[in-house]
């Protein structure tokens, strides 16, 4: 098998290990889509009742009610035990508690959705980790194949180098030694 074909085979194997997954959902958008008109009203009232503005306005109304009835500044409509004020506050408490419970139900629904989304994210993360581990194991196998090929190539190169050295040694032993250059006799030149 040629090297180019082997590289192409490895590239095809790597492409096989790519994967797709669905996108992460936007929980807030999902919750907003599911809200009914009554749920929106309950949420707005819950926000209003749970604010300091509401508490201070309620306190101001109660103080004004008691002051107008206790100090007789105008014709009192609710005398001292303030039974009518008690009735109004009891009815108001029942209504606000119902509205707050609706808001809490909506929050519980949102928490259930969040728990479901967390579960889906955990499953997706687990799938991603499995895919990543499989991809890494596949890459390990490919790297091992490459190392084995390199090792075989290295052994082959060493074997060829040994054969070449043996051939050179054999050719040196079979060749007669090259004749040495004859020595020239030294000629002395007379001094003038």
N, C-alpha and C. Protein backbone atom coordinates (compact mmCIF):
# COMPACT_ATOMS: atom_id res chain seq x y z
N UNK A 1 0.86 -1.18 0.00
CA UNK A 1 0.00 0.00 0.00
C UNK A 1 0.90 1.23 0.00
N UNK A 2 0.61 2.18 -0.87
CA UNK A 2 1.45 3.37 -0.95
C UNK A 2 1.19 4.29 0.24
N UNK A 3 2.16 5.13 0.51
CA UNK A 3 2.07 6.03 1.65
C UNK A 3 0.89 6.99 1.47
N UNK A 4 0.69 7.52 0.26
CA UNK A 4 -0.41 8.46 0.01
C UNK A 4 -1.76 7.79 0.29
N UNK A 5 -1.89 6.52 -0.11
CA UNK A 5 -3.14 5.82 0.13
C UNK A 5 -3.33 5.57 1.63
N UNK A 6 -2.27 5.27 2.35
CA UNK A 6 -2.37 5.06 3.80
C UNK A 6 -2.79 6.35 4.49
N UNK A 7 -2.22 7.48 4.08
CA UNK A 7 -2.59 8.78 4.68
C UNK A 7 -4.06 9.09 4.40
N UNK A 8 -4.50 8.79 3.18
CA UNK A 8 -5.90 9.02 2.84
C UNK A 8 -6.81 8.14 3.69
N UNK A 9 -6.41 6.90 3.93
CA UNK A 9 -7.19 5.98 4.77
C UNK A 9 -7.27 6.52 6.20
N UNK A 10 -6.16 7.01 6.73
CA UNK A 10 -6.15 7.56 8.09
C UNK A 10 -7.06 8.79 8.16
N UNK A 11 -7.01 9.66 7.16
CA UNK A 11 -7.85 10.86 7.14
C UNK A 11 -9.32 10.48 7.11
N UNK A 12 -9.68 9.46 6.32
CA UNK A 12 -11.08 9.01 6.29
C UNK A 12 -11.51 8.47 7.65
N UNK A 13 -10.63 7.75 8.33
CA UNK A 13 -10.95 7.24 9.67
C UNK A 13 -11.18 8.38 10.65
N UNK A 14 -10.39 9.45 10.54
CA UNK A 14 -10.56 10.58 11.45
C UNK A 14 -11.89 11.29 11.18
N UNK A 15 -12.28 11.41 9.93
CA UNK A 15 -13.54 12.07 9.60
C UNK A 15 -14.72 11.28 10.15
N UNK A 16 -14.61 9.96 10.18
CA UNK A 16 -15.68 9.13 10.73
C UNK A 16 -15.96 9.46 12.18
N UNK A 17 -14.96 9.92 12.91
CA UNK A 17 -15.12 10.15 14.34
C UNK A 17 -15.62 11.55 14.68
N UNK A 18 -15.97 12.34 13.68
CA UNK A 18 -16.60 13.62 13.96
C UNK A 18 -18.07 13.36 14.26
N UNK A 19 -18.68 14.21 15.09
CA UNK A 19 -20.08 14.00 15.45
C UNK A 19 -20.79 15.34 15.60
N UNK A 20 -22.10 15.29 15.53
CA UNK A 20 -22.94 16.47 15.70
C UNK A 20 -23.83 16.25 16.91
N UNK A 21 -24.27 17.34 17.51
CA UNK A 21 -25.21 17.25 18.62
C UNK A 21 -26.17 18.43 18.55
N UNK A 22 -27.36 18.28 19.14
CA UNK A 22 -28.33 19.38 19.08
C UNK A 22 -27.85 20.57 19.91
N UNK A 23 -28.27 21.77 19.55
CA UNK A 23 -27.83 22.95 20.29
C UNK A 23 -28.44 23.00 21.69
N UNK A 24 -27.83 23.78 22.56
CA UNK A 24 -28.34 23.96 23.92
C UNK A 24 -29.58 24.84 23.86
N UNK A 25 -30.61 24.46 24.62
CA UNK A 25 -31.86 25.23 24.62
C UNK A 25 -31.72 26.47 25.51
N UNK A 26 -32.46 27.53 25.17
CA UNK A 26 -32.54 28.72 25.99
C UNK A 26 -33.74 28.55 26.92
N UNK A 27 -33.47 28.30 28.20
CA UNK A 27 -34.52 28.00 29.17
C UNK A 27 -35.47 29.17 29.33
N UNK A 28 -34.96 30.39 29.38
CA UNK A 28 -35.83 31.56 29.58
C UNK A 28 -36.82 31.71 28.42
N UNK A 29 -36.36 31.49 27.21
CA UNK A 29 -37.25 31.60 26.06
C UNK A 29 -38.33 30.51 26.12
N UNK A 30 -37.95 29.29 26.52
CA UNK A 30 -38.94 28.22 26.64
C UNK A 30 -39.99 28.55 27.70
N UNK A 31 -39.56 29.10 28.82
CA UNK A 31 -40.50 29.44 29.90
C UNK A 31 -41.43 30.56 29.44
N UNK A 32 -40.89 31.57 28.78
CA UNK A 32 -41.72 32.69 28.32
C UNK A 32 -42.77 32.22 27.31
N UNK A 33 -42.40 31.27 26.46
CA UNK A 33 -43.36 30.76 25.48
C UNK A 33 -44.51 30.02 26.14
N UNK A 34 -44.26 29.38 27.26
CA UNK A 34 -45.28 28.57 27.92
C UNK A 34 -46.20 29.38 28.83
N UNK A 35 -45.85 30.62 29.13
CA UNK A 35 -46.65 31.42 30.07
C UNK A 35 -48.00 31.80 29.46
N UNK A 36 -49.04 31.65 30.26
CA UNK A 36 -50.36 32.11 29.85
C UNK A 36 -50.55 33.53 30.36
N UNK A 37 -51.67 34.16 29.99
CA UNK A 37 -51.94 35.51 30.45
C UNK A 37 -52.04 35.55 31.97
N UNK A 38 -52.74 34.54 32.55
CA UNK A 38 -52.89 34.48 34.02
C UNK A 38 -51.53 34.33 34.69
N UNK A 39 -50.64 33.55 34.09
CA UNK A 39 -49.30 33.38 34.66
C UNK A 39 -48.54 34.71 34.65
N UNK A 40 -48.69 35.47 33.57
CA UNK A 40 -48.00 36.77 33.49
C UNK A 40 -48.53 37.74 34.53
N UNK A 41 -49.86 37.76 34.69
CA UNK A 41 -50.47 38.65 35.69
C UNK A 41 -50.00 38.25 37.08
N UNK A 42 -50.00 36.95 37.36
CA UNK A 42 -49.54 36.46 38.67
C UNK A 42 -48.09 36.84 38.92
N UNK A 43 -47.26 36.74 37.89
CA UNK A 43 -45.85 37.10 38.05
C UNK A 43 -45.69 38.59 38.32
N UNK A 44 -46.47 39.41 37.62
CA UNK A 44 -46.39 40.86 37.86
C UNK A 44 -46.87 41.22 39.26
N UNK A 45 -47.99 40.62 39.70
CA UNK A 45 -48.48 40.89 41.05
C UNK A 45 -47.50 40.38 42.10
N UNK A 46 -46.88 39.23 41.85
CA UNK A 46 -45.90 38.71 42.81
C UNK A 46 -44.73 39.67 42.95
N UNK A 47 -44.30 40.23 41.82
CA UNK A 47 -43.22 41.22 41.88
C UNK A 47 -43.66 42.45 42.64
N UNK A 48 -44.90 42.88 42.43
CA UNK A 48 -45.41 44.06 43.12
C UNK A 48 -45.54 43.82 44.61
N UNK A 49 -46.16 42.70 45.00
CA UNK A 49 -46.38 42.40 46.41
C UNK A 49 -45.05 42.18 47.14
N UNK A 50 -44.08 41.69 46.46
CA UNK A 50 -42.79 41.42 47.09
C UNK A 50 -41.84 42.61 47.08
N UNK A 51 -42.36 43.81 46.87
CA UNK A 51 -41.48 44.98 46.83
C UNK A 51 -41.68 45.87 48.05
N UNK A 52 -40.70 46.69 48.35
CA UNK A 52 -40.79 47.64 49.47
C UNK A 52 -41.81 48.72 49.18
N UNK A 53 -41.98 49.05 47.93
CA UNK A 53 -42.98 50.07 47.58
C UNK A 53 -44.37 49.61 48.04
N UNK A 54 -44.71 48.35 47.77
CA UNK A 54 -46.00 47.82 48.18
C UNK A 54 -46.14 47.84 49.71
N UNK A 55 -45.12 47.39 50.40
CA UNK A 55 -45.17 47.35 51.86
C UNK A 55 -45.36 48.76 52.42
N UNK A 56 -44.64 49.74 51.91
CA UNK A 56 -44.75 51.11 52.42
C UNK A 56 -46.10 51.72 52.07
N UNK A 57 -46.64 51.45 50.87
CA UNK A 57 -47.97 51.96 50.51
C UNK A 57 -49.02 51.33 51.41
N UNK A 58 -48.95 50.04 51.66
CA UNK A 58 -49.89 49.36 52.56
C UNK A 58 -49.82 49.96 53.95
N UNK A 59 -48.62 50.15 54.43
CA UNK A 59 -48.43 50.72 55.76
C UNK A 59 -49.01 52.14 55.81
N UNK A 60 -48.78 52.94 54.78
CA UNK A 60 -49.34 54.30 54.74
C UNK A 60 -50.86 54.28 54.75
N UNK A 61 -51.48 53.39 53.96
CA UNK A 61 -52.95 53.30 53.92
C UNK A 61 -53.50 52.91 55.29
N UNK A 62 -52.87 51.94 55.94
CA UNK A 62 -53.35 51.49 57.26
C UNK A 62 -53.21 52.61 58.29
N UNK A 63 -52.06 53.31 58.28
CA UNK A 63 -51.86 54.42 59.24
C UNK A 63 -52.90 55.52 58.98
N UNK A 64 -53.15 55.86 57.73
CA UNK A 64 -54.13 56.89 57.37
C UNK A 64 -55.53 56.45 57.80
N UNK A 65 -55.89 55.19 57.56
CA UNK A 65 -57.19 54.65 57.96
C UNK A 65 -57.39 54.79 59.46
N UNK A 66 -56.39 54.33 60.21
CA UNK A 66 -56.50 54.38 61.67
C UNK A 66 -56.54 55.83 62.15
N UNK A 67 -55.71 56.69 61.58
CA UNK A 67 -55.68 58.09 62.02
C UNK A 67 -57.02 58.77 61.74
N UNK A 68 -57.59 58.58 60.56
CA UNK A 68 -58.86 59.23 60.23
C UNK A 68 -60.00 58.72 61.10
N UNK A 69 -59.97 57.43 61.44
CA UNK A 69 -61.04 56.88 62.26
C UNK A 69 -60.82 57.12 63.75
N UNK A 70 -59.59 57.09 64.22
CA UNK A 70 -59.33 57.24 65.65
C UNK A 70 -59.37 58.71 66.08
N UNK A 71 -58.92 59.61 65.24
CA UNK A 71 -58.87 61.02 65.62
C UNK A 71 -60.16 61.77 65.28
N UNK A 72 -61.09 61.12 64.67
CA UNK A 72 -62.38 61.71 64.32
C UNK A 72 -62.22 62.98 63.49
N UNK A 73 -61.26 62.99 62.56
CA UNK A 73 -61.08 64.17 61.72
C UNK A 73 -62.22 64.30 60.71
N UNK A 74 -62.75 63.21 60.26
CA UNK A 74 -63.94 63.19 59.43
C UNK A 74 -64.91 62.22 60.08
N UNK A 75 -66.09 62.13 59.53
CA UNK A 75 -67.06 61.22 60.12
C UNK A 75 -66.50 59.81 60.09
N UNK A 76 -66.23 59.18 61.27
CA UNK A 76 -65.62 57.84 61.29
C UNK A 76 -66.55 56.80 60.67
N UNK A 77 -65.99 55.97 59.78
CA UNK A 77 -66.76 54.90 59.15
C UNK A 77 -66.41 53.54 59.73
N UNK A 78 -65.32 53.50 60.55
CA UNK A 78 -64.89 52.24 61.18
C UNK A 78 -64.39 52.58 62.56
N UNK A 79 -65.17 52.27 63.60
CA UNK A 79 -64.78 52.65 64.96
C UNK A 79 -63.67 51.74 65.49
N UNK A 80 -63.24 52.03 66.73
CA UNK A 80 -61.99 51.53 67.30
C UNK A 80 -61.59 50.09 67.00
N UNK A 81 -62.35 49.07 67.19
CA UNK A 81 -61.71 47.78 66.92
C UNK A 81 -61.37 47.61 65.44
N UNK A 82 -61.81 48.53 64.61
CA UNK A 82 -61.48 48.54 63.18
C UNK A 82 -61.81 47.20 62.52
N UNK A 83 -63.06 46.78 62.71
CA UNK A 83 -63.52 45.51 62.14
C UNK A 83 -63.50 45.54 60.61
N UNK A 84 -63.90 46.63 60.03
CA UNK A 84 -63.92 46.72 58.57
C UNK A 84 -62.49 46.66 58.01
N UNK A 85 -61.55 47.32 58.72
CA UNK A 85 -60.13 47.25 58.30
C UNK A 85 -59.62 45.81 58.40
N UNK A 86 -60.02 45.12 59.49
CA UNK A 86 -59.63 43.71 59.63
C UNK A 86 -60.18 42.87 58.48
N UNK A 87 -61.44 43.11 58.12
CA UNK A 87 -62.05 42.37 57.03
C UNK A 87 -61.31 42.64 55.72
N UNK A 88 -61.04 43.90 55.45
CA UNK A 88 -60.34 44.25 54.21
C UNK A 88 -58.94 43.63 54.18
N UNK A 89 -58.21 43.72 55.30
CA UNK A 89 -56.85 43.15 55.34
C UNK A 89 -56.88 41.62 55.21
N UNK A 90 -57.89 40.98 55.79
CA UNK A 90 -58.01 39.51 55.67
C UNK A 90 -58.30 39.12 54.23
N UNK A 91 -59.24 39.83 53.57
CA UNK A 91 -59.53 39.54 52.17
C UNK A 91 -58.31 39.81 51.29
N UNK A 92 -57.64 40.92 51.57
CA UNK A 92 -56.45 41.26 50.79
C UNK A 92 -55.36 40.19 50.97
N UNK A 93 -55.18 39.73 52.20
CA UNK A 93 -54.18 38.69 52.46
C UNK A 93 -54.53 37.41 51.70
N UNK A 94 -55.81 37.04 51.69
CA UNK A 94 -56.21 35.83 50.97
C UNK A 94 -55.94 35.98 49.48
N UNK A 95 -56.26 37.15 48.94
CA UNK A 95 -56.03 37.37 47.50
C UNK A 95 -54.53 37.36 47.19
N UNK A 96 -53.74 38.09 47.99
CA UNK A 96 -52.30 38.16 47.72
C UNK A 96 -51.63 36.81 47.91
N UNK A 97 -52.11 36.03 48.90
CA UNK A 97 -51.52 34.70 49.10
C UNK A 97 -51.81 33.82 47.88
N UNK A 98 -53.04 33.91 47.34
CA UNK A 98 -53.36 33.13 46.14
C UNK A 98 -52.48 33.54 44.97
N UNK A 99 -52.31 34.85 44.82
CA UNK A 99 -51.46 35.34 43.72
C UNK A 99 -50.02 34.89 43.92
N UNK A 100 -49.52 34.96 45.16
CA UNK A 100 -48.15 34.53 45.43
C UNK A 100 -47.99 33.03 45.20
N UNK A 101 -49.01 32.26 45.55
CA UNK A 101 -48.94 30.81 45.30
C UNK A 101 -48.90 30.52 43.80
N UNK A 102 -49.65 31.31 43.01
CA UNK A 102 -49.58 31.13 41.56
C UNK A 102 -48.16 31.44 41.06
N UNK A 103 -47.57 32.50 41.63
CA UNK A 103 -46.19 32.85 41.27
C UNK A 103 -45.21 31.75 41.67
N UNK A 104 -45.44 31.16 42.84
CA UNK A 104 -44.57 30.07 43.29
C UNK A 104 -44.74 28.84 42.40
N UNK A 105 -45.98 28.59 41.96
CA UNK A 105 -46.20 27.47 41.03
C UNK A 105 -45.44 27.70 39.73
N UNK A 106 -45.48 28.94 39.25
CA UNK A 106 -44.75 29.27 38.03
C UNK A 106 -43.25 29.08 38.25
N UNK A 107 -42.77 29.48 39.43
CA UNK A 107 -41.35 29.29 39.74
C UNK A 107 -41.01 27.80 39.84
N UNK A 108 -41.92 27.01 40.39
CA UNK A 108 -41.69 25.56 40.47
C UNK A 108 -41.63 24.96 39.06
N UNK A 109 -42.51 25.45 38.16
CA UNK A 109 -42.45 24.97 36.77
C UNK A 109 -41.12 25.33 36.14
N UNK A 110 -40.66 26.54 36.41
CA UNK A 110 -39.37 26.98 35.87
C UNK A 110 -38.23 26.11 36.44
N UNK A 111 -38.33 25.79 37.74
CA UNK A 111 -37.30 24.93 38.36
C UNK A 111 -37.31 23.53 37.76
N UNK A 112 -38.52 23.01 37.45
CA UNK A 112 -38.60 21.70 36.81
C UNK A 112 -37.94 21.75 35.42
N UNK A 113 -38.22 22.83 34.69
CA UNK A 113 -37.59 22.97 33.37
C UNK A 113 -36.07 23.07 33.50
N UNK A 114 -35.62 23.82 34.51
CA UNK A 114 -34.18 23.97 34.73
C UNK A 114 -33.55 22.62 35.07
N UNK A 115 -34.24 21.84 35.91
CA UNK A 115 -33.72 20.51 36.25
C UNK A 115 -33.67 19.62 35.01
N UNK A 116 -34.71 19.71 34.17
CA UNK A 116 -34.71 18.92 32.93
C UNK A 116 -33.57 19.36 32.02
N UNK A 117 -33.38 20.67 31.92
CA UNK A 117 -32.29 21.17 31.08
C UNK A 117 -30.92 20.74 31.64
N UNK A 118 -30.77 20.79 32.97
CA UNK A 118 -29.51 20.33 33.57
C UNK A 118 -29.27 18.86 33.25
N UNK A 119 -30.33 18.06 33.32
CA UNK A 119 -30.21 16.65 32.99
C UNK A 119 -29.78 16.48 31.53
N UNK A 120 -30.44 17.22 30.62
CA UNK A 120 -30.09 17.13 29.21
C UNK A 120 -28.65 17.56 28.96
N UNK A 121 -28.23 18.63 29.66
CA UNK A 121 -26.84 19.07 29.50
C UNK A 121 -25.86 18.03 30.02
N UNK A 122 -26.21 17.39 31.13
CA UNK A 122 -25.33 16.34 31.66
C UNK A 122 -25.25 15.16 30.70
N UNK A 123 -26.38 14.77 30.12
CA UNK A 123 -26.36 13.67 29.15
C UNK A 123 -25.53 14.06 27.94
N UNK A 124 -25.72 15.31 27.48
CA UNK A 124 -24.97 15.78 26.32
C UNK A 124 -23.46 15.84 26.64
N UNK A 125 -23.13 16.28 27.84
CA UNK A 125 -21.71 16.33 28.23
C UNK A 125 -21.13 14.92 28.29
N UNK A 126 -21.92 13.98 28.80
CA UNK A 126 -21.45 12.59 28.85
C UNK A 126 -21.23 12.05 27.44
N UNK A 127 -22.16 12.35 26.52
CA UNK A 127 -21.99 11.91 25.14
C UNK A 127 -20.75 12.53 24.51
N UNK A 128 -20.55 13.82 24.80
CA UNK A 128 -19.36 14.51 24.27
C UNK A 128 -18.09 13.86 24.81
N UNK A 129 -18.08 13.55 26.10
CA UNK A 129 -16.90 12.91 26.68
C UNK A 129 -16.65 11.53 26.08
N UNK A 130 -17.73 10.78 25.89
CA UNK A 130 -17.57 9.47 25.26
C UNK A 130 -17.02 9.61 23.85
N UNK A 131 -17.58 10.55 23.08
CA UNK A 131 -17.10 10.77 21.71
C UNK A 131 -15.65 11.22 21.72
N UNK A 132 -15.30 12.08 22.66
CA UNK A 132 -13.93 12.56 22.76
C UNK A 132 -12.97 11.42 23.14
N UNK A 133 -13.40 10.59 24.07
CA UNK A 133 -12.56 9.45 24.46
C UNK A 133 -12.39 8.47 23.31
N UNK A 134 -13.48 8.21 22.58
CA UNK A 134 -13.38 7.33 21.41
C UNK A 134 -12.44 7.92 20.36
N UNK A 135 -12.57 9.22 20.15
CA UNK A 135 -11.70 9.90 19.18
C UNK A 135 -10.24 9.81 19.62
N UNK A 136 -9.99 10.02 20.92
CA UNK A 136 -8.61 9.92 21.42
C UNK A 136 -8.08 8.49 21.31
N UNK A 137 -8.93 7.51 21.58
CA UNK A 137 -8.48 6.12 21.44
C UNK A 137 -8.16 5.81 19.98
N UNK A 138 -8.98 6.34 19.08
CA UNK A 138 -8.72 6.13 17.65
C UNK A 138 -7.41 6.81 17.25
N UNK A 139 -7.19 8.01 17.75
CA UNK A 139 -5.93 8.69 17.45
C UNK A 139 -4.75 7.92 18.02
N UNK A 140 -4.92 7.33 19.22
CA UNK A 140 -3.85 6.51 19.79
C UNK A 140 -3.53 5.33 18.88
N UNK A 141 -4.57 4.69 18.34
CA UNK A 141 -4.35 3.57 17.43
C UNK A 141 -3.59 4.03 16.18
N UNK A 142 -3.99 5.18 15.65
CA UNK A 142 -3.32 5.70 14.46
C UNK A 142 -1.86 6.04 14.77
N UNK A 143 -1.64 6.67 15.93
CA UNK A 143 -0.26 7.00 16.32
C UNK A 143 0.57 5.73 16.51
N UNK A 144 -0.04 4.70 17.08
CA UNK A 144 0.66 3.43 17.25
C UNK A 144 1.01 2.82 15.89
N UNK A 145 0.09 2.91 14.93
CA UNK A 145 0.39 2.43 13.58
C UNK A 145 1.55 3.21 12.98
N UNK A 146 1.53 4.53 13.17
CA UNK A 146 2.62 5.36 12.63
C UNK A 146 3.94 5.01 13.28
N UNK A 147 3.93 4.83 14.61
CA UNK A 147 5.17 4.47 15.32
C UNK A 147 5.66 3.11 14.83
N UNK A 148 4.75 2.16 14.65
CA UNK A 148 5.16 0.83 14.15
C UNK A 148 5.77 0.93 12.75
N UNK A 149 5.15 1.76 11.90
CA UNK A 149 5.70 1.94 10.55
C UNK A 149 7.09 2.58 10.61
N UNK A 150 7.21 3.59 11.47
CA UNK A 150 8.53 4.24 11.62
C UNK A 150 9.56 3.25 12.16
N UNK A 151 9.14 2.41 13.11
CA UNK A 151 10.05 1.42 13.67
C UNK A 151 10.46 0.41 12.60
N UNK A 152 9.49 -0.06 11.80
CA UNK A 152 9.84 -0.98 10.71
C UNK A 152 10.78 -0.31 9.72
N UNK A 153 10.50 0.97 9.40
CA UNK A 153 11.37 1.71 8.48
C UNK A 153 12.77 1.87 9.06
N UNK A 154 12.85 2.14 10.37
CA UNK A 154 14.15 2.29 11.03
C UNK A 154 14.92 0.97 11.01
N UNK A 155 14.23 -0.13 11.32
CA UNK A 155 14.90 -1.44 11.28
C UNK A 155 15.38 -1.76 9.87
N UNK A 156 14.55 -1.44 8.87
CA UNK A 156 14.93 -1.69 7.48
C UNK A 156 16.15 -0.85 7.11
N UNK A 157 16.16 0.42 7.53
CA UNK A 157 17.31 1.29 7.24
C UNK A 157 18.58 0.75 7.91
N UNK A 158 18.47 0.28 9.14
CA UNK A 158 19.64 -0.27 9.84
C UNK A 158 20.12 -1.54 9.14
N UNK A 159 19.18 -2.39 8.70
CA UNK A 159 19.55 -3.61 8.00
C UNK A 159 20.27 -3.27 6.69
N UNK A 160 19.73 -2.29 5.96
CA UNK A 160 20.39 -1.87 4.71
C UNK A 160 21.76 -1.26 4.98
N UNK A 161 21.88 -0.48 6.07
CA UNK A 161 23.17 0.13 6.41
C UNK A 161 24.18 -0.96 6.75
N UNK A 162 23.77 -2.01 7.49
CA UNK A 162 24.68 -3.12 7.81
C UNK A 162 25.11 -3.85 6.55
N UNK A 163 24.17 -4.10 5.65
CA UNK A 163 24.51 -4.78 4.39
C UNK A 163 25.49 -3.95 3.56
N UNK A 164 25.26 -2.62 3.57
CA UNK A 164 26.15 -1.73 2.83
C UNK A 164 27.55 -1.76 3.45
N UNK A 165 27.62 -1.72 4.78
CA UNK A 165 28.94 -1.79 5.44
C UNK A 165 29.61 -3.13 5.15
N UNK A 166 28.83 -4.22 5.20
CA UNK A 166 29.41 -5.54 4.90
C UNK A 166 29.91 -5.58 3.47
N UNK A 167 29.15 -5.01 2.56
CA UNK A 167 29.57 -5.00 1.15
C UNK A 167 30.84 -4.18 0.98
N UNK A 168 30.93 -3.05 1.67
CA UNK A 168 32.14 -2.23 1.59
C UNK A 168 33.34 -2.97 2.17
N UNK A 169 33.13 -3.64 3.30
CA UNK A 169 34.22 -4.42 3.91
C UNK A 169 34.67 -5.54 2.96
N UNK A 170 33.68 -6.20 2.38
CA UNK A 170 34.01 -7.30 1.47
C UNK A 170 34.77 -6.77 0.26
N UNK A 171 34.38 -5.63 -0.28
CA UNK A 171 35.07 -5.09 -1.45
C UNK A 171 36.48 -4.62 -1.08
N UNK A 172 36.68 -4.15 0.15
CA UNK A 172 38.02 -3.74 0.57
C UNK A 172 38.93 -4.96 0.69
N UNK A 173 38.38 -6.06 1.18
CA UNK A 173 39.20 -7.24 1.37
C UNK A 173 39.56 -7.90 0.04
N UNK A 174 38.72 -7.87 -0.94
CA UNK A 174 39.00 -8.52 -2.21
C UNK A 174 39.89 -7.67 -3.11
N UNK A 175 39.96 -6.42 -2.95
CA UNK A 175 40.80 -5.56 -3.79
C UNK A 175 42.24 -5.64 -3.29
N UNK A 176 43.20 -5.75 -4.27
CA UNK A 176 44.59 -5.73 -3.82
C UNK A 176 44.93 -4.32 -3.35
N UNK A 177 45.86 -4.25 -2.45
CA UNK A 177 46.22 -2.91 -1.98
C UNK A 177 46.77 -2.09 -3.14
N UNK A 178 46.46 -0.87 -3.14
CA UNK A 178 46.94 0.02 -4.21
C UNK A 178 48.44 0.17 -4.08
N UNK A 179 49.17 0.14 -5.25
CA UNK A 179 50.63 0.27 -5.15
C UNK A 179 51.00 1.63 -4.60
N UNK A 180 51.99 1.55 -3.77
CA UNK A 180 52.45 2.80 -3.15
C UNK A 180 53.27 3.56 -4.17
N UNK A 181 53.29 4.80 -4.11
CA UNK A 181 54.06 5.61 -5.04
C UNK A 181 55.54 5.37 -4.76
N UNK A 182 56.34 5.18 -5.85
CA UNK A 182 57.76 4.90 -5.62
C UNK A 182 58.43 6.11 -5.00
N UNK A 183 59.38 5.76 -4.18
CA UNK A 183 60.09 6.85 -3.52
C UNK A 183 61.13 7.40 -4.48
N UNK A 184 61.29 8.67 -4.46
CA UNK A 184 62.29 9.30 -5.31
C UNK A 184 63.61 9.36 -4.55
N UNK A 185 64.60 9.09 -5.31
CA UNK A 185 65.90 9.23 -4.60
C UNK A 185 66.18 10.70 -4.37
N UNK A 186 66.75 10.92 -3.26
CA UNK A 186 67.05 12.30 -2.93
C UNK A 186 68.31 12.72 -3.64
N UNK A 187 68.19 13.80 -4.31
CA UNK A 187 69.33 14.32 -5.06
C UNK A 187 69.88 15.50 -4.27
N UNK A 188 71.20 15.44 -4.08
CA UNK A 188 71.75 16.57 -3.36
C UNK A 188 72.32 17.56 -4.36
N UNK A 189 72.09 18.71 -4.12
CA UNK A 189 72.54 19.77 -5.02
C UNK A 189 73.81 20.38 -4.40
N UNK A 190 74.93 20.47 -5.26
CA UNK A 190 76.17 21.03 -4.69
C UNK A 190 76.02 22.52 -4.38
N UNK A 191 76.73 22.88 -3.45
CA UNK A 191 76.66 24.28 -3.02
C UNK A 191 77.58 25.11 -3.89
N UNK A 192 77.31 26.24 -4.34
CA UNK A 192 78.19 27.04 -5.20
C UNK A 192 79.29 27.70 -4.47
